[in-house]
């Protein structure tokens, strides 16, 4: 069994900035960054605490 996990950001606005002149850290939406970081931290915590065995 292989478990895959990852963060998939909303792609609707992805190419508005990706590889564009305004593709800078200052353009990152702070709230979206915080939510993504919290999501990944929660996932890591739960896998560490409970494992991946069904």
PDB file of N, CA and C in Angstrom:
ATOM      1  N   UNK A   1       0.835  -1.176   0.000  1.00  0.00           N
ATOM      2  CA  UNK A   1       0.000   0.000   0.000  1.00  0.00           C
ATOM      3  C   UNK A   1       0.886   1.248   0.000  1.00  0.00           C
ATOM      4  N   UNK A   2       0.586   2.164  -0.882  1.00  0.00           N
ATOM      5  CA  UNK A   2       1.322   3.424  -0.954  1.00  0.00           C
ATOM      6  C   UNK A   2       0.346   4.554  -0.630  1.00  0.00           C
ATOM      7  N   UNK A   3       0.734   5.376   0.311  1.00  0.00           N
ATOM      8  CA  UNK A   3      -0.091   6.519   0.679  1.00  0.00           C
ATOM      9  C   UNK A   3       0.538   7.783   0.113  1.00  0.00           C
ATOM     10  N   UNK A   4      -0.255   8.557  -0.562  1.00  0.00           N
ATOM     11  CA  UNK A   4       0.209   9.830  -1.111  1.00  0.00           C
ATOM     12  C   UNK A   4      -0.574  10.954  -0.453  1.00  0.00           C
ATOM     13  N   UNK A   5       0.106  12.022  -0.132  1.00  0.00           N
ATOM     14  CA  UNK A   5      -0.547  13.193   0.449  1.00  0.00           C
ATOM     15  C   UNK A   5       0.189  14.430  -0.023  1.00  0.00           C
ATOM     16  N   UNK A   6      -0.539  15.499  -0.159  1.00  0.00           N
ATOM     17  CA  UNK A   6       0.091  16.737  -0.570  1.00  0.00           C
ATOM     18  C   UNK A   6      -0.907  17.877  -0.576  1.00  0.00           C
ATOM     19  N   UNK A   7      -0.409  19.036  -0.785  1.00  0.00           N
ATOM     20  CA  UNK A   7      -1.242  20.239  -0.838  1.00  0.00           C
ATOM     21  C   UNK A   7      -1.438  20.626  -2.296  1.00  0.00           C
ATOM     22  N   UNK A   8      -2.671  20.762  -2.704  1.00  0.00           N
ATOM     23  CA  UNK A   8      -2.978  21.170  -4.080  1.00  0.00           C
ATOM     24  C   UNK A   8      -3.653  22.531  -4.022  1.00  0.00           C
ATOM     25  N   UNK A   9      -2.913  23.583  -4.290  1.00  0.00           N
ATOM     26  CA  UNK A   9      -3.501  24.925  -4.228  1.00  0.00           C
ATOM     27  C   UNK A   9      -4.535  25.141  -5.333  1.00  0.00           C
ATOM     28  N   UNK A  10      -5.407  26.084  -5.107  1.00  0.00           N
ATOM     29  CA  UNK A  10      -6.430  26.449  -6.089  1.00  0.00           C
ATOM     30  C   UNK A  10      -5.742  26.926  -7.359  1.00  0.00           C
ATOM     31  N   UNK A  11      -6.010  26.258  -8.456  1.00  0.00           N
ATOM     32  CA  UNK A  11      -5.309  26.577  -9.701  1.00  0.00           C
ATOM     33  C   UNK A  11      -5.959  27.708 -10.490  1.00  0.00           C
ATOM     34  N   UNK A  12      -7.087  28.238 -10.028  1.00  0.00           N
ATOM     35  CA  UNK A  12      -7.757  29.302 -10.778  1.00  0.00           C
ATOM     36  C   UNK A  12      -6.896  30.545 -10.922  1.00  0.00           C
ATOM     37  N   UNK A  13      -6.115  30.869  -9.902  1.00  0.00           N
ATOM     38  CA  UNK A  13      -5.268  32.065  -9.965  1.00  0.00           C
ATOM     39  C   UNK A  13      -3.794  31.738 -10.089  1.00  0.00           C
ATOM     40  N   UNK A  14      -3.455  30.466 -10.174  1.00  0.00           N
ATOM     41  CA  UNK A  14      -2.054  30.048 -10.164  1.00  0.00           C
ATOM     42  C   UNK A  14      -1.240  30.715 -11.263  1.00  0.00           C
ATOM     43  N   UNK A  15      -1.746  30.714 -12.474  1.00  0.00           N
ATOM     44  CA  UNK A  15      -0.970  31.248 -13.593  1.00  0.00           C
ATOM     45  C   UNK A  15      -1.077  32.766 -13.722  1.00  0.00           C
ATOM     46  N   UNK A  16      -1.831  33.422 -12.826  1.00  0.00           N
ATOM     47  CA  UNK A  16      -1.811  34.884 -12.783  1.00  0.00           C
ATOM     48  C   UNK A  16      -0.438  35.377 -12.331  1.00  0.00           C
ATOM     49  N   UNK A  17       0.240  34.575 -11.514  1.00  0.00           N
ATOM     50  CA  UNK A  17       1.524  34.972 -10.950  1.00  0.00           C
ATOM     51  C   UNK A  17       2.677  34.070 -11.365  1.00  0.00           C
ATOM     52  N   UNK A  18       2.411  32.796 -11.593  1.00  0.00           N
ATOM     53  CA  UNK A  18       3.472  31.819 -11.833  1.00  0.00           C
ATOM     54  C   UNK A  18       4.322  32.214 -13.044  1.00  0.00           C
ATOM     55  N   UNK A  19       5.610  32.372 -12.807  1.00  0.00           N
ATOM     56  CA  UNK A  19       6.600  32.746 -13.830  1.00  0.00           C
ATOM     57  C   UNK A  19       6.291  34.099 -14.478  1.00  0.00           C
ATOM     58  N   UNK A  20       5.529  34.924 -13.795  1.00  0.00           N
ATOM     59  CA  UNK A  20       5.253  36.272 -14.287  1.00  0.00           C
ATOM     60  C   UNK A  20       6.174  37.248 -13.558  1.00  0.00           C
ATOM     61  N   UNK A  21       6.193  38.466 -14.013  1.00  0.00           N
ATOM     62  CA  UNK A  21       7.042  39.475 -13.382  1.00  0.00           C
ATOM     63  C   UNK A  21       6.655  39.706 -11.924  1.00  0.00           C
ATOM     64  N   UNK A  22       5.356  39.555 -11.609  1.00  0.00           N
ATOM     65  CA  UNK A  22       4.904  39.769 -10.238  1.00  0.00           C
ATOM     66  C   UNK A  22       4.887  38.469  -9.433  1.00  0.00           C
ATOM     67  N   UNK A  23       5.666  37.460  -9.842  1.00  0.00           N
ATOM     68  CA  UNK A  23       5.793  36.195  -9.115  1.00  0.00           C
ATOM     69  C   UNK A  23       6.800  36.384  -7.990  1.00  0.00           C
ATOM     70  N   UNK A  24       6.362  37.059  -6.929  1.00  0.00           N
ATOM     71  CA  UNK A  24       7.216  37.349  -5.784  1.00  0.00           C
ATOM     72  C   UNK A  24       6.515  36.929  -4.501  1.00  0.00           C
ATOM     73  N   UNK A  25       7.291  36.743  -3.452  1.00  0.00           N
ATOM     74  CA  UNK A  25       6.733  36.327  -2.168  1.00  0.00           C
ATOM     75  C   UNK A  25       5.737  37.350  -1.627  1.00  0.00           C
ATOM     76  N   UNK A  26       5.935  38.605  -1.940  1.00  0.00           N
ATOM     77  CA  UNK A  26       5.041  39.654  -1.451  1.00  0.00           C
ATOM     78  C   UNK A  26       3.617  39.497  -1.999  1.00  0.00           C
ATOM     79  N   UNK A  27       3.473  38.803  -3.110  1.00  0.00           N
ATOM     80  CA  UNK A  27       2.159  38.603  -3.724  1.00  0.00           C
ATOM     81  C   UNK A  27       1.382  37.436  -3.110  1.00  0.00           C
ATOM     82  N   UNK A  28       2.034  36.660  -2.248  1.00  0.00           N
ATOM     83  CA  UNK A  28       1.379  35.504  -1.632  1.00  0.00           C
ATOM     84  C   UNK A  28       0.280  35.985  -0.695  1.00  0.00           C
ATOM     85  N   UNK A  29      -0.879  35.352  -0.804  1.00  0.00           N
ATOM     86  CA  UNK A  29      -1.988  35.671   0.089  1.00  0.00           C
ATOM     87  C   UNK A  29      -1.670  35.078   1.458  1.00  0.00           C
ATOM     88  N   UNK A  30      -1.501  35.930   2.459  1.00  0.00           N
ATOM     89  CA  UNK A  30      -1.076  35.500   3.785  1.00  0.00           C
ATOM     90  C   UNK A  30      -2.042  34.484   4.382  1.00  0.00           C
ATOM     91  N   UNK A  31      -3.320  34.714   4.260  1.00  0.00           N
ATOM     92  CA  UNK A  31      -4.323  33.810   4.840  1.00  0.00           C
ATOM     93  C   UNK A  31      -4.266  32.435   4.168  1.00  0.00           C
ATOM     94  N   UNK A  32      -4.130  32.399   2.857  1.00  0.00           N
ATOM     95  CA  UNK A  32      -4.043  31.118   2.160  1.00  0.00           C
ATOM     96  C   UNK A  32      -2.774  30.363   2.540  1.00  0.00           C
ATOM     97  N   UNK A  33      -1.666  31.080   2.715  1.00  0.00           N
ATOM     98  CA  UNK A  33      -0.420  30.461   3.145  1.00  0.00           C
ATOM     99  C   UNK A  33      -0.570  29.860   4.537  1.00  0.00           C
ATOM    100  N   UNK A  34      -1.197  30.606   5.439  1.00  0.00           N
ATOM    101  CA  UNK A  34      -1.419  30.110   6.805  1.00  0.00           C
ATOM    102  C   UNK A  34      -2.315  28.877   6.815  1.00  0.00           C
ATOM    103  N   UNK A  35      -3.378  28.895   6.022  1.00  0.00           N
ATOM    104  CA  UNK A  35      -4.279  27.740   5.967  1.00  0.00           C
ATOM    105  C   UNK A  35      -3.577  26.514   5.397  1.00  0.00           C
ATOM    106  N   UNK A  36      -2.781  26.708   4.367  1.00  0.00           N
ATOM    107  CA  UNK A  36      -2.038  25.590   3.789  1.00  0.00           C
ATOM    108  C   UNK A  36      -1.028  25.014   4.769  1.00  0.00           C
ATOM    109  N   UNK A  37      -0.331  25.882   5.485  1.00  0.00           N
ATOM    110  CA  UNK A  37       0.651  25.426   6.469  1.00  0.00           C
ATOM    111  C   UNK A  37      -0.039  24.686   7.616  1.00  0.00           C
ATOM    112  N   UNK A  38      -1.177  25.193   8.069  1.00  0.00           N
ATOM    113  CA  UNK A  38      -1.920  24.533   9.146  1.00  0.00           C
ATOM    114  C   UNK A  38      -2.434  23.165   8.696  1.00  0.00           C
ATOM    115  N   UNK A  39      -2.876  23.085   7.460  1.00  0.00           N
ATOM    116  CA  UNK A  39      -3.366  21.816   6.921  1.00  0.00           C
ATOM    117  C   UNK A  39      -2.256  20.772   6.892  1.00  0.00           C
ATOM    118  N   UNK A  40      -1.096  21.155   6.387  1.00  0.00           N
ATOM    119  CA  UNK A  40       0.014  20.208   6.290  1.00  0.00           C
ATOM    120  C   UNK A  40       0.528  19.818   7.677  1.00  0.00           C
ATOM    121  N   UNK A  41       0.579  20.770   8.610  1.00  0.00           N
ATOM    122  CA  UNK A  41       1.014  20.469   9.971  1.00  0.00           C
ATOM    123  C   UNK A  41       0.038  19.499  10.643  1.00  0.00           C
ATOM    124  N   UNK A  42      -1.249  19.701  10.425  1.00  0.00           N
ATOM    125  CA  UNK A  42      -2.258  18.798  10.985  1.00  0.00           C
ATOM    126  C   UNK A  42      -2.111  17.394  10.420  1.00  0.00           C
ATOM    127  N   UNK A  43      -1.885  17.304   9.123  1.00  0.00           N
ATOM    128  CA  UNK A  43      -1.709  16.004   8.484  1.00  0.00           C
ATOM    129  C   UNK A  43      -0.506  15.274   9.068  1.00  0.00           C
ATOM    130  N   UNK A  44       0.602  15.959   9.200  1.00  0.00           N
ATOM    131  CA  UNK A  44       1.815  15.344   9.756  1.00  0.00           C
ATOM    132  C   UNK A  44       1.579  14.900  11.192  1.00  0.00           C
ATOM    133  N   UNK A  45       0.916  15.721  11.978  1.00  0.00           N
ATOM    134  CA  UNK A  45       0.615  15.373  13.369  1.00  0.00           C
ATOM    135  C   UNK A  45      -0.250  14.116  13.437  1.00  0.00           C
ATOM    136  N   UNK A  46      -1.313  14.062  12.647  1.00  0.00           N
ATOM    137  CA  UNK A  46      -2.221  12.917  12.694  1.00  0.00           C
ATOM    138  C   UNK A  46      -1.551  11.628  12.219  1.00  0.00           C
ATOM    139  N   UNK A  47      -0.726  11.718  11.185  1.00  0.00           N
ATOM    140  CA  UNK A  47       0.000  10.529  10.722  1.00  0.00           C
ATOM    141  C   UNK A  47       0.982  10.066  11.791  1.00  0.00           C
ATOM    142  N   UNK A  48       1.660  11.013  12.449  1.00  0.00           N
ATOM    143  CA  UNK A  48       2.600  10.652  13.500  1.00  0.00           C
ATOM    144  C   UNK A  48       1.872  10.002  14.680  1.00  0.00           C
ATOM    145  N   UNK A  49       0.721  10.536  15.048  1.00  0.00           N
ATOM    146  CA  UNK A  49      -0.009  10.057  16.220  1.00  0.00           C
ATOM    147  C   UNK A  49      -0.710   8.722  15.948  1.00  0.00           C
ATOM    148  N   UNK A  50      -1.339   8.578  14.783  1.00  0.00           N
ATOM    149  CA  UNK A  50      -2.171   7.406  14.514  1.00  0.00           C
ATOM    150  C   UNK A  50      -1.621   6.474  13.446  1.00  0.00           C
ATOM    151  N   UNK A  51      -0.620   6.906  12.720  1.00  0.00           N
ATOM    152  CA  UNK A  51      -0.048   6.080  11.667  1.00  0.00           C
ATOM    153  C   UNK A  51      -0.933   6.038  10.435  1.00  0.00           C
ATOM    154  N   UNK A  52      -0.604   5.140   9.520  1.00  0.00           N
ATOM    155  CA  UNK A  52      -1.339   5.026   8.273  1.00  0.00           C
ATOM    156  C   UNK A  52      -2.045   3.684   8.121  1.00  0.00           C
ATOM    157  N   UNK A  53      -1.946   2.829   9.094  1.00  0.00           N
ATOM    158  CA  UNK A  53      -2.573   1.510   9.007  1.00  0.00           C
ATOM    159  C   UNK A  53      -4.085   1.646   9.140  1.00  0.00           C
ATOM    160  N   UNK A  54      -4.839   1.029   8.213  1.00  0.00           N
ATOM    161  CA  UNK A  54      -6.308   1.142   8.272  1.00  0.00           C
ATOM    162  C   UNK A  54      -6.899   0.421   9.469  1.00  0.00           C
TER     163      UNK A  54
END
